[in-house]
Amino acid sequence: SYFSKRVNDIIRARGRVAVGWDEVIDHEKVDGIVPMVWRNEQNVIEAVRQGYDVILTPMPYSYFNARQREDEPELTYPMPATLMEKVYSFNPIPDGLTTEQKNQILGGQGCMWTEYYDSPARVEYSVFPRISALSEVYWSNPQNRKWDRFKSKIQTQFERYDLWGIRYCDYEKTRK
């Protein structure tokens, strides 16, 4: 708490906003800091109830350093596979929040811890196409999201990835 306050004061004095992992909500409130909520949905609810604006980056939906498929080899840091369908199933707005609390959710991000990867191509493979699924989650109204429609649309995205020369997981189950 002391450290968070001290760093926050230094950053705010320079006209910036401090962003910290959601552990900052576990202690005395630090005004002006923005937690990046990664641990669980309950921390989103707790953070907005404490009055924080938050950035979502929840495990496992947003962590692209997990395997894309169950049949891929384990990484140095073992994590369960996070399939594209799981990423797409994420609901970023927890139930039970007021309209004001929902407005405290500033957005979200995908995470990629590259220390477990030996090449840029392997990083690309781990990010794509899950980044497209997560983008649609954050940019689309939940009522408009349909997995079958997304599976059809991702085929066009695969063509773009090919055009860009990006390595990606092609998910046989998404292929027509």
Protein backbone atom coordinates (compact mmCIF):
# COMPACT_ATOMS: atom_id res chain seq x y z
CA SER A 1 0.00 0.00 0.00
CA TYR A 2 2.82 2.42 0.90
CA PHE A 3 4.71 1.56 -2.29
CA SER A 4 1.60 1.91 -4.49
CA LYS A 5 0.79 5.31 -2.97
CA ARG A 6 4.37 6.53 -3.33
CA VAL A 7 4.68 5.48 -6.97
CA ASN A 8 1.19 6.79 -7.74
CA ASP A 9 2.12 10.21 -6.28
CA ILE A 10 5.26 10.38 -8.42
CA ILE A 11 3.37 9.41 -11.59
CA ARG A 12 0.44 11.77 -10.91
CA ALA A 13 2.87 14.65 -10.24
CA ARG A 14 4.01 14.20 -13.84
CA GLY A 15 0.45 14.39 -15.17
CA ARG A 16 0.12 10.66 -15.83
CA VAL A 17 -2.08 7.84 -14.56
CA ALA A 18 -0.58 4.91 -12.69
CA VAL A 19 -1.73 1.44 -13.72
CA GLY A 20 -1.07 -1.55 -11.50
CA TRP A 21 -1.99 -5.21 -11.22
CA ASP A 22 -5.17 -5.87 -9.29
CA GLU A 23 -3.27 -6.66 -6.10
CA VAL A 24 -3.52 -2.90 -5.43
CA ILE A 25 -7.17 -3.42 -4.44
CA ASP A 26 -6.15 -5.79 -1.64
CA HIS A 27 -4.93 -2.93 0.55
CA GLU A 28 -5.91 0.61 1.42
CA LYS A 29 -7.42 2.45 -1.58
CA VAL A 30 -4.96 4.43 -3.67
CA ASP A 31 -6.83 7.28 -5.37
CA GLY A 32 -6.16 7.68 -9.06
CA ILE A 33 -4.47 4.35 -9.74
CA VAL A 34 -6.11 2.08 -12.34
CA PRO A 35 -5.98 -1.64 -11.52
CA MET A 36 -5.52 -4.14 -14.33
CA VAL A 37 -7.80 -6.90 -13.07
CA TRP A 38 -6.34 -10.28 -13.97
CA ARG A 39 -7.15 -12.72 -11.16
CA ASN A 40 -10.92 -13.19 -11.32
CA GLU A 41 -14.32 -11.63 -11.92
CA GLN A 42 -14.84 -10.99 -8.21
CA ASN A 43 -11.87 -8.60 -8.29
CA VAL A 44 -13.59 -6.61 -11.06
CA ILE A 45 -16.64 -6.25 -8.85
CA GLU A 46 -14.56 -5.40 -5.78
CA ALA A 47 -12.46 -2.82 -7.64
CA VAL A 48 -15.43 -0.92 -9.08
CA ARG A 49 -17.21 -1.05 -5.70
CA GLN A 50 -14.12 0.57 -4.17
CA GLY A 51 -14.43 3.31 -6.81
CA TYR A 52 -11.58 2.32 -9.09
CA ASP A 53 -11.67 2.56 -12.87
CA VAL A 54 -10.35 -0.76 -14.17
CA ILE A 55 -8.76 -2.38 -17.19
CA LEU A 56 -9.70 -6.02 -17.74
CA THR A 57 -7.05 -8.62 -18.43
CA PRO A 58 -8.53 -11.76 -16.91
CA MET A 59 -7.01 -15.21 -16.88
CA PRO A 60 -7.50 -17.36 -18.82
CA TYR A 61 -9.38 -15.37 -21.48
CA SER A 62 -6.74 -12.71 -22.05
CA TYR A 63 -3.50 -14.63 -21.57
CA PHE A 64 -2.15 -15.66 -24.95
CA ASN A 65 0.99 -17.30 -23.58
CA ALA A 66 -1.19 -20.35 -22.89
CA ARG A 67 -1.34 -23.06 -25.53
CA GLN A 68 -3.93 -22.52 -28.28
CA ARG A 69 -4.82 -26.20 -28.59
CA GLU A 70 -4.97 -29.15 -26.21
CA ASP A 71 -2.69 -31.20 -28.49
CA GLU A 72 0.18 -28.69 -28.44
CA PRO A 73 3.26 -29.43 -26.34
CA GLU A 74 3.49 -27.90 -22.88
CA LEU A 75 5.34 -24.62 -22.60
CA THR A 76 8.13 -23.95 -20.11
CA TYR A 77 5.49 -22.39 -17.88
CA PRO A 78 2.64 -24.89 -17.78
CA MET A 79 -0.82 -23.40 -18.22
CA PRO A 80 -3.99 -25.09 -19.44
CA ALA A 81 -4.75 -24.48 -23.10
CA THR A 82 -7.01 -21.53 -23.81
CA LEU A 83 -8.98 -22.28 -26.95
CA MET A 84 -10.27 -19.52 -29.18
CA GLU A 85 -13.85 -20.52 -28.31
CA LYS A 86 -13.11 -19.93 -24.63
CA VAL A 87 -11.70 -16.48 -25.38
CA TYR A 88 -14.81 -15.70 -27.42
CA SER A 89 -17.09 -16.86 -24.59
CA PHE A 90 -15.76 -14.23 -22.17
CA ASN A 91 -18.32 -11.75 -20.84
CA PRO A 92 -16.35 -8.66 -19.81
CA ILE A 93 -19.17 -7.06 -17.80
CA PRO A 94 -19.95 -9.02 -14.61
CA ASP A 95 -23.58 -9.38 -13.61
CA GLY A 96 -24.88 -7.21 -10.81
CA LEU A 97 -23.01 -3.99 -11.60
CA THR A 98 -24.82 -0.67 -11.73
CA THR A 99 -24.61 1.45 -14.89
CA GLU A 100 -22.11 3.72 -13.13
CA GLN A 101 -19.96 0.73 -12.15
CA LYS A 102 -20.09 -0.66 -15.70
CA ASN A 103 -18.76 2.70 -16.90
CA GLN A 104 -15.75 2.26 -14.61
CA ILE A 105 -14.58 -0.57 -16.84
CA LEU A 106 -12.32 1.30 -19.24
CA GLY A 107 -11.58 -1.62 -21.55
CA GLY A 108 -9.37 -4.64 -21.74
CA GLN A 109 -6.23 -6.10 -23.18
CA GLY A 110 -4.70 -9.36 -24.25
CA CYS A 111 -1.48 -10.39 -22.51
CA MET A 112 1.55 -12.10 -23.96
CA TRP A 113 4.46 -13.01 -21.69
CA THR A 114 7.15 -13.64 -24.28
CA GLU A 115 9.84 -15.02 -22.00
CA TYR A 116 8.52 -18.51 -22.74
CA TYR A 117 8.97 -18.18 -26.51
CA ASP A 118 12.03 -18.63 -28.65
CA SER A 119 10.99 -16.66 -31.76
CA PRO A 120 8.69 -13.93 -33.04
CA ALA A 121 6.95 -16.53 -35.22
CA ARG A 122 6.05 -18.59 -32.15
CA VAL A 123 4.69 -15.46 -30.43
CA GLU A 124 2.55 -14.69 -33.50
CA TYR A 125 1.25 -18.24 -33.53
CA SER A 126 0.24 -17.92 -29.88
CA VAL A 127 -1.53 -14.59 -30.31
CA PHE A 128 -3.38 -15.16 -33.59
CA PRO A 129 -6.37 -15.72 -34.01
CA ARG A 130 -7.28 -15.40 -30.32
CA ILE A 131 -6.60 -11.66 -30.52
CA SER A 132 -9.40 -11.42 -33.10
CA ALA A 133 -11.78 -13.27 -30.77
CA LEU A 134 -10.88 -11.02 -27.82
CA SER A 135 -11.23 -7.91 -29.98
CA GLU A 136 -14.76 -8.89 -30.93
CA VAL A 137 -15.55 -9.57 -27.26
CA TYR A 138 -14.52 -6.04 -26.27
CA TRP A 139 -15.85 -4.21 -29.32
CA SER A 140 -19.20 -5.94 -29.75
CA ASN A 141 -22.46 -5.85 -27.88
CA PRO A 142 -22.83 -9.27 -26.17
CA GLN A 143 -26.25 -9.79 -27.78
CA ASN A 144 -24.65 -9.48 -31.22
CA ARG A 145 -21.93 -12.05 -30.62
CA LYS A 146 -22.59 -15.47 -32.13
CA TRP A 147 -19.90 -18.16 -32.15
CA ASP A 148 -21.07 -19.71 -35.44
CA ARG A 149 -21.03 -16.32 -37.17
CA PHE A 150 -17.56 -15.61 -35.76
CA LYS A 151 -16.25 -18.98 -37.01
CA SER A 152 -17.42 -18.02 -40.47
CA LYS A 153 -15.89 -14.53 -40.27
CA ILE A 154 -12.54 -15.82 -39.01
CA GLN A 155 -12.04 -17.57 -42.35
CA THR A 156 -11.63 -14.13 -43.96
CA GLN A 157 -9.30 -13.14 -41.16
CA PHE A 158 -7.15 -16.21 -41.88
CA GLU A 159 -6.80 -14.91 -45.45
CA ARG A 160 -5.61 -11.56 -44.06
CA TYR A 161 -3.12 -13.32 -41.81
CA ASP A 162 -1.80 -15.20 -44.85
CA LEU A 163 -1.50 -11.92 -46.76
CA TRP A 164 0.42 -10.37 -43.87
CA GLY A 165 2.70 -13.40 -43.56
CA ILE A 166 1.64 -14.06 -39.97
CA ARG A 167 1.93 -17.50 -38.39
CA TYR A 168 -1.30 -18.45 -36.67
CA CYS A 169 -3.17 -21.39 -35.24
CA ASP A 170 -5.68 -22.43 -37.87
CA TYR A 171 -8.02 -24.36 -35.58
CA GLU A 172 -9.26 -27.16 -37.76
CA LYS A 173 -12.61 -26.96 -36.07
CA THR A 174 -13.08 -23.40 -37.40
CA ARG A 175 -12.28 -24.40 -40.97
CA LYS A 176 -15.19 -25.05 -43.31
